[in-house]
Amino acid sequence: MSINYKYILTIVISTVISTAILINCSGGEMPDKKVAFRSIKDIPASSWEKLSQKKIYFGHQSVGFNIMAGVQDVMNEHPEIKLNIVETSDASDFNVGLFAHSRVGKNVDPKSKIDEFVNFMDKGIGKKADFAVLKFCYVDMRPDTDVKKIFIDYTKSISQLKENYPEMTIIHFTVPLTQNQTGPKAWIKKIIGRPVWGVEGNIKRNEYNEILLKKYKGKEPIFDIAAIESTFPDGTRSTFTKNGKKYYLMVPEYTDDGGHLNEIGRKKVAEQLLILLANLIQ
C-alpha cells in the first residue's frame, strides 16, 4: 500500500491555515471596546406618535427589504409603534405621514443608485419628505471598487440635495457587511493562493464606512448598519485582520446566506433604525 505524501502534506497545511483563520477571523476574540445599543423600550409612546406623522423615504435594494420586514416585526411586537409603511417612490403619496421605501438604481452600480435617488427627490419627494435615506448594498463594494470615487459622487449629490431641499433631513447609511468564507473551501483557496470570498469585499466596505464616518459623524445623522451587523449580543465585535489592520464583518447569527439579514439580524437593525428616527424628532 503506497502512501500519498502529497495528500498528507495538504492536510497538514490545511490544519495550520485553518488554525490561523480561526485566530484572525473568529469574530469578537480580538480586543475591542464593547458596543451598547439603546433599547426600543427607552423611547416614549409620544415619540412614536410624532414619528407616525413624519414623511420618510428610504431607497434601497434587497437588504433594504430585509430591514423593512424587520420594521414590521418590531411593530408587531410593539403595538404602540404605528407607522404607515408604503412601498412607493411616487411623490403624490407623500401627503400624509408614511414610511415610504422602494428599490433604487441597480446593484453593483452605486452611481445608478445615487442618480435615481436624486431623481426621486427632484420629482417631488424632496419638497415633501422630512427624512430621506439612500442605502448602498454590500454588492456595491467589490474588491476592485474605487470607494473614494463613489464617496465623492455621493457627497456631491447629497450636498446639492441639501441645498435644494433644506427642510429635508438626509440620513447617511454605512455600507452593510458580509461574512467571510470559512471552512474547507476557504482553506483550500488559501493553499492555492486564491482569494477567500468576502475578505477583499469587506475591506472595501470598511474603507468606505471609515470615510463616511470621518466626514459626517457628530455633524449629520448617520445610521451605522455595519456596526450593528458586526456586533454580537454581548457587545463584542466580529472582526478579522489582514496585513496587521483590523476590519469588521457580519456576525454569523444575523444571516443565513452570508450577506442578507435573517429574522434575528433584520430585527436588530430595524430596532436601531426606528430608535434613530425617533430620536431625530425629539
Protein backbone atom coordinates (compact mmCIF):
# COMPACT_ATOMS: atom_id res chain seq x y z
CA MET A 1 0.00 0.00 0.00
CA SER A 2 1.56 3.31 -1.11
CA ILE A 3 1.37 6.45 0.97
CA ASN A 4 0.12 9.64 -0.68
CA TYR A 5 2.56 12.07 0.89
CA LYS A 6 1.19 14.99 -1.13
CA TYR A 7 -2.27 14.38 0.33
CA ILE A 8 -0.88 14.17 3.87
CA LEU A 9 1.08 17.38 3.37
CA THR A 10 -2.03 19.12 2.10
CA ILE A 11 -3.96 18.06 5.21
CA VAL A 12 -1.19 19.34 7.48
CA ILE A 13 -1.01 22.68 5.68
CA SER A 14 -4.80 22.97 5.78
CA THR A 15 -4.80 22.42 9.52
CA VAL A 16 -2.20 25.11 10.08
CA ILE A 17 -4.02 27.60 7.87
CA SER A 18 -7.42 26.83 9.39
CA THR A 19 -5.98 27.49 12.82
CA ALA A 20 -4.69 30.85 11.63
CA ILE A 21 -8.05 31.68 10.12
CA LEU A 22 -9.84 30.82 13.35
CA ILE A 23 -7.49 33.06 15.29
CA ASN A 24 -7.82 36.02 12.91
CA CYS A 25 -11.43 35.69 11.74
CA SER A 26 -13.29 34.16 14.64
CA GLY A 27 -15.04 37.44 15.38
CA GLY A 28 -15.07 39.13 18.74
CA GLU A 29 -11.87 37.49 20.05
CA MET A 30 -9.70 40.48 19.22
CA PRO A 31 -9.61 43.28 21.81
CA ASP A 32 -12.28 45.86 21.04
CA LYS A 33 -14.47 48.18 23.04
CA LYS A 34 -17.88 46.68 23.67
CA VAL A 35 -20.81 48.32 21.92
CA ALA A 36 -24.06 49.13 23.71
CA PHE A 37 -27.19 49.98 21.72
CA ARG A 38 -30.29 51.69 23.04
CA SER A 39 -33.44 49.68 23.65
CA ILE A 40 -36.73 50.25 21.88
CA LYS A 41 -38.24 50.46 25.37
CA ASP A 42 -36.28 53.67 26.00
CA ILE A 43 -38.47 55.57 23.53
CA PRO A 44 -41.68 57.08 24.96
CA ALA A 45 -45.02 56.44 23.25
CA SER A 46 -45.32 60.14 22.42
CA SER A 47 -42.25 59.89 20.18
CA TRP A 48 -43.78 57.06 18.18
CA GLU A 49 -46.90 59.16 17.70
CA LYS A 50 -44.81 62.06 16.39
CA LEU A 51 -42.84 59.74 14.12
CA SER A 52 -46.03 58.35 12.59
CA GLN A 53 -46.81 61.84 11.32
CA LYS A 54 -43.47 62.25 9.55
CA LYS A 55 -42.79 61.55 5.89
CA ILE A 56 -39.82 59.26 5.36
CA TYR A 57 -38.30 57.92 2.15
CA PHE A 58 -35.86 55.00 2.12
CA GLY A 59 -34.17 53.98 -1.16
CA HIS A 60 -32.58 50.54 -1.17
CA GLN A 61 -32.32 47.08 -2.72
CA SER A 62 -32.63 43.58 -1.21
CA VAL A 63 -31.12 44.22 2.24
CA GLY A 64 -33.49 47.17 2.47
CA PHE A 65 -36.41 44.79 2.08
CA ASN A 66 -34.89 42.75 4.92
CA ILE A 67 -34.82 45.88 7.06
CA MET A 68 -38.41 46.81 6.26
CA ALA A 69 -39.51 43.28 7.15
CA GLY A 70 -37.68 43.85 10.44
CA VAL A 71 -39.57 47.11 10.95
CA GLN A 72 -42.81 45.18 10.59
CA ASP A 73 -41.52 42.58 13.07
CA VAL A 74 -40.83 45.31 15.61
CA MET A 75 -44.23 46.91 15.05
CA ASN A 76 -45.91 43.55 15.60
CA GLU A 77 -44.18 43.26 18.97
CA HIS A 78 -44.74 46.90 19.93
CA PRO A 79 -48.29 47.97 19.04
CA GLU A 80 -47.53 51.50 20.24
CA ILE A 81 -45.48 51.93 17.04
CA LYS A 82 -47.97 52.64 14.28
CA LEU A 83 -46.19 53.58 11.07
CA ASN A 84 -47.79 53.76 7.66
CA ILE A 85 -45.39 51.61 5.62
CA VAL A 86 -45.83 52.01 1.87
CA GLU A 87 -43.65 50.72 -0.95
CA THR A 88 -43.55 53.75 -3.23
CA SER A 89 -41.35 56.42 -4.80
CA ASP A 90 -44.30 58.48 -6.02
CA ALA A 91 -44.31 61.97 -4.54
CA SER A 92 -48.13 62.08 -4.68
CA ASP A 93 -48.19 59.54 -1.82
CA PHE A 94 -46.35 61.96 0.46
CA ASN A 95 -49.41 63.94 1.51
CA VAL A 96 -49.75 62.02 4.77
CA GLY A 97 -47.37 60.59 7.31
CA LEU A 98 -45.68 57.48 5.94
CA PHE A 99 -42.54 55.37 5.92
CA ALA A 100 -42.05 55.01 2.16
CA HIS A 101 -39.46 52.76 0.62
CA SER A 102 -38.58 51.44 -2.82
CA ARG A 103 -35.87 49.96 -4.95
CA VAL A 104 -33.40 52.49 -6.26
CA GLY A 105 -30.87 52.03 -9.06
CA LYS A 106 -29.12 48.77 -9.85
CA ASN A 107 -26.92 46.55 -7.74
CA VAL A 108 -23.15 46.70 -8.41
CA ASP A 109 -23.77 50.15 -9.90
CA PRO A 110 -23.77 52.59 -6.96
CA LYS A 111 -23.76 55.63 -9.26
CA SER A 112 -27.13 54.49 -10.68
CA LYS A 113 -28.49 54.43 -7.13
CA ILE A 114 -27.25 57.94 -6.42
CA ASP A 115 -28.70 59.25 -9.67
CA GLU A 116 -32.11 57.63 -9.21
CA PHE A 117 -32.31 58.76 -5.59
CA VAL A 118 -31.67 62.33 -6.72
CA ASN A 119 -34.26 61.89 -9.47
CA PHE A 120 -36.89 60.76 -6.96
CA MET A 121 -36.15 63.79 -4.79
CA ASP A 122 -36.35 66.16 -7.76
CA LYS A 123 -39.68 64.68 -8.86
CA GLY A 124 -41.33 65.91 -5.69
CA ILE A 125 -40.23 63.84 -2.71
CA GLY A 126 -37.56 66.36 -1.80
CA LYS A 127 -40.16 69.06 -1.20
CA LYS A 128 -42.37 66.81 0.93
CA ALA A 129 -40.17 64.37 2.87
CA ASP A 130 -38.95 65.06 6.39
CA PHE A 131 -36.26 62.38 6.14
CA ALA A 132 -34.59 60.71 3.17
CA VAL A 133 -32.18 57.79 3.14
CA LEU A 134 -30.09 56.17 0.41
CA LYS A 135 -28.56 52.81 1.29
CA PHE A 136 -25.93 51.09 -0.80
CA CYS A 137 -25.80 47.28 -0.83
CA TYR A 138 -22.84 45.12 0.10
CA VAL A 139 -22.52 44.06 -3.55
CA ASP A 140 -21.82 47.68 -4.50
CA MET A 141 -18.43 47.43 -2.79
CA ARG A 142 -16.32 44.78 -4.51
CA PRO A 143 -12.57 44.06 -4.45
CA ASP A 144 -11.98 46.34 -7.44
CA THR A 145 -14.27 49.17 -6.31
CA ASP A 146 -12.93 52.73 -6.14
CA VAL A 147 -14.58 53.65 -2.86
CA LYS A 148 -13.20 57.19 -2.89
CA LYS A 149 -14.84 57.91 -6.24
CA ILE A 150 -18.17 56.52 -5.04
CA PHE A 151 -17.97 58.67 -1.93
CA ILE A 152 -17.15 61.78 -3.98
CA ASP A 153 -20.16 61.09 -6.22
CA TYR A 154 -22.32 60.55 -3.15
CA THR A 155 -21.26 63.66 -1.25
CA LYS A 156 -21.54 65.86 -4.32
CA SER A 157 -25.14 64.77 -4.95
CA ILE A 158 -26.12 64.85 -1.29
CA SER A 159 -24.72 68.36 -0.87
CA GLN A 160 -26.80 69.54 -3.80
CA LEU A 161 -29.92 67.91 -2.37
CA LYS A 162 -29.37 69.58 0.99
CA GLU A 163 -29.06 72.92 -0.75
CA ASN A 164 -32.18 72.34 -2.86
CA TYR A 165 -34.32 70.92 -0.06
CA PRO A 166 -33.15 72.49 3.22
CA GLU A 167 -36.25 71.33 5.12
CA MET A 168 -35.46 67.67 4.44
CA THR A 169 -33.00 65.77 6.64
CA ILE A 170 -30.77 63.24 4.93
CA ILE A 171 -29.65 60.27 7.00
CA HIS A 172 -26.38 58.70 5.91
CA PHE A 173 -26.02 54.90 5.89
CA THR A 174 -22.82 52.94 6.24
CA VAL A 175 -22.50 50.02 3.82
CA PRO A 176 -23.73 46.62 5.05
CA LEU A 177 -21.15 43.90 5.65
CA THR A 178 -20.99 40.20 4.83
CA GLN A 179 -19.39 37.17 6.38
CA ASN A 180 -16.04 35.92 5.15
CA GLN A 181 -15.90 32.44 3.66
CA THR A 182 -14.74 29.81 6.14
CA GLY A 183 -14.37 26.05 6.23
CA PRO A 184 -12.53 23.60 3.93
CA LYS A 185 -13.11 25.62 0.73
CA ALA A 186 -11.57 28.69 2.30
CA TRP A 187 -8.58 26.65 3.48
CA ILE A 188 -8.02 25.24 0.01
CA LYS A 189 -8.20 28.70 -1.54
CA LYS A 190 -5.56 29.85 0.92
CA ILE A 191 -3.32 26.97 -0.02
CA ILE A 192 -3.53 27.56 -3.76
CA GLY A 193 -3.36 31.33 -3.45
CA ARG A 194 -6.92 32.15 -4.48
CA PRO A 195 -8.87 34.93 -2.71
CA VAL A 196 -11.25 33.89 0.06
CA TRP A 197 -14.78 35.14 -0.61
CA GLY A 198 -15.78 38.15 1.44
CA VAL A 199 -12.37 39.28 2.65
CA GLU A 200 -11.48 41.85 -0.03
CA GLY A 201 -15.08 42.98 -0.36
CA ASN A 202 -15.38 43.58 3.38
CA ILE A 203 -12.13 45.51 3.34
CA LYS A 204 -13.63 47.84 0.72
CA ARG A 205 -16.83 48.19 2.76
CA ASN A 206 -14.84 49.04 5.86
CA GLU A 207 -12.81 51.59 3.90
CA TYR A 208 -15.94 53.31 2.60
CA ASN A 209 -17.52 53.33 6.05
CA GLU A 210 -14.40 54.87 7.59
CA ILE A 211 -14.53 57.69 5.04
CA LEU A 212 -18.24 58.28 5.62
CA LEU A 213 -17.93 58.29 9.41
CA LYS A 214 -14.98 60.67 9.27
CA LYS A 215 -16.97 63.05 7.08
CA TYR A 216 -20.33 63.07 8.87
CA LYS A 217 -20.03 61.62 12.38
CA GLY A 218 -21.07 64.14 15.00
CA LYS A 219 -22.23 66.56 12.29
CA GLU A 220 -25.13 64.89 10.49
CA PRO A 221 -27.35 61.86 11.19
CA ILE A 222 -25.72 58.50 10.45
CA PHE A 223 -27.21 55.06 10.65
CA ASP A 224 -24.26 52.72 11.16
CA ILE A 225 -25.73 49.44 9.94
CA ALA A 226 -22.23 47.97 9.71
CA ALA A 227 -21.71 48.47 13.45
CA ILE A 228 -24.98 46.70 14.23
CA GLU A 229 -24.29 43.81 11.86
CA SER A 230 -20.81 43.28 13.33
CA THR A 231 -21.78 43.41 17.00
CA PHE A 232 -22.55 40.23 18.93
CA PRO A 233 -25.36 40.26 21.53
CA ASP A 234 -22.74 40.63 24.29
CA GLY A 235 -21.40 43.83 22.71
CA THR A 236 -18.17 42.43 21.28
CA ARG A 237 -17.35 42.93 17.60
CA SER A 238 -16.90 40.42 14.80
CA THR A 239 -13.52 41.14 13.23
CA PHE A 240 -10.74 39.84 11.04
CA THR A 241 -7.26 41.12 10.27
CA LYS A 242 -5.22 41.47 7.12
CA ASN A 243 -1.75 42.96 6.89
CA GLY A 244 -1.99 43.96 10.53
CA LYS A 245 -5.19 46.01 10.14
CA LYS A 246 -8.50 45.10 11.76
CA TYR A 247 -11.75 45.06 9.82
CA TYR A 248 -15.36 44.32 10.76
CA LEU A 249 -17.60 41.63 9.29
CA MET A 250 -21.12 40.36 9.84
CA VAL A 251 -21.99 38.24 12.87
CA PRO A 252 -22.84 34.72 11.57
CA GLU A 253 -26.07 34.51 13.57
CA TYR A 254 -27.53 37.51 11.72
CA THR A 255 -27.54 35.95 8.26
CA ASP A 256 -28.45 32.69 6.56
CA ASP A 257 -26.61 33.26 3.29
CA GLY A 258 -23.60 35.34 4.32
CA GLY A 259 -24.99 38.71 3.26
CA HIS A 260 -28.73 39.18 3.69
CA LEU A 261 -30.29 39.68 7.10
CA ASN A 262 -32.25 36.82 8.63
CA GLU A 263 -35.05 37.27 11.18
CA ILE A 264 -32.60 37.90 14.01
CA GLY A 265 -30.44 40.33 12.05
CA ARG A 266 -33.26 42.27 10.44
CA LYS A 267 -34.96 42.87 13.77
CA LYS A 268 -31.75 44.16 15.38
CA VAL A 269 -31.15 46.56 12.51
CA ALA A 270 -34.79 47.69 12.34
CA GLU A 271 -34.93 48.42 16.06
CA GLN A 272 -31.92 50.73 15.87
CA LEU A 273 -33.21 52.47 12.74
CA LEU A 274 -36.54 53.19 14.44
CA ILE A 275 -34.74 54.44 17.55
CA LEU A 276 -32.61 56.78 15.44
CA LEU A 277 -35.68 58.18 13.67
CA ALA A 278 -37.49 58.65 16.98
CA ASN A 279 -34.51 60.46 18.47
CA LEU A 280 -34.27 62.80 15.49
CA ILE A 281 -37.73 64.22 16.14
CA GLN A 282 -37.32 64.80 19.88
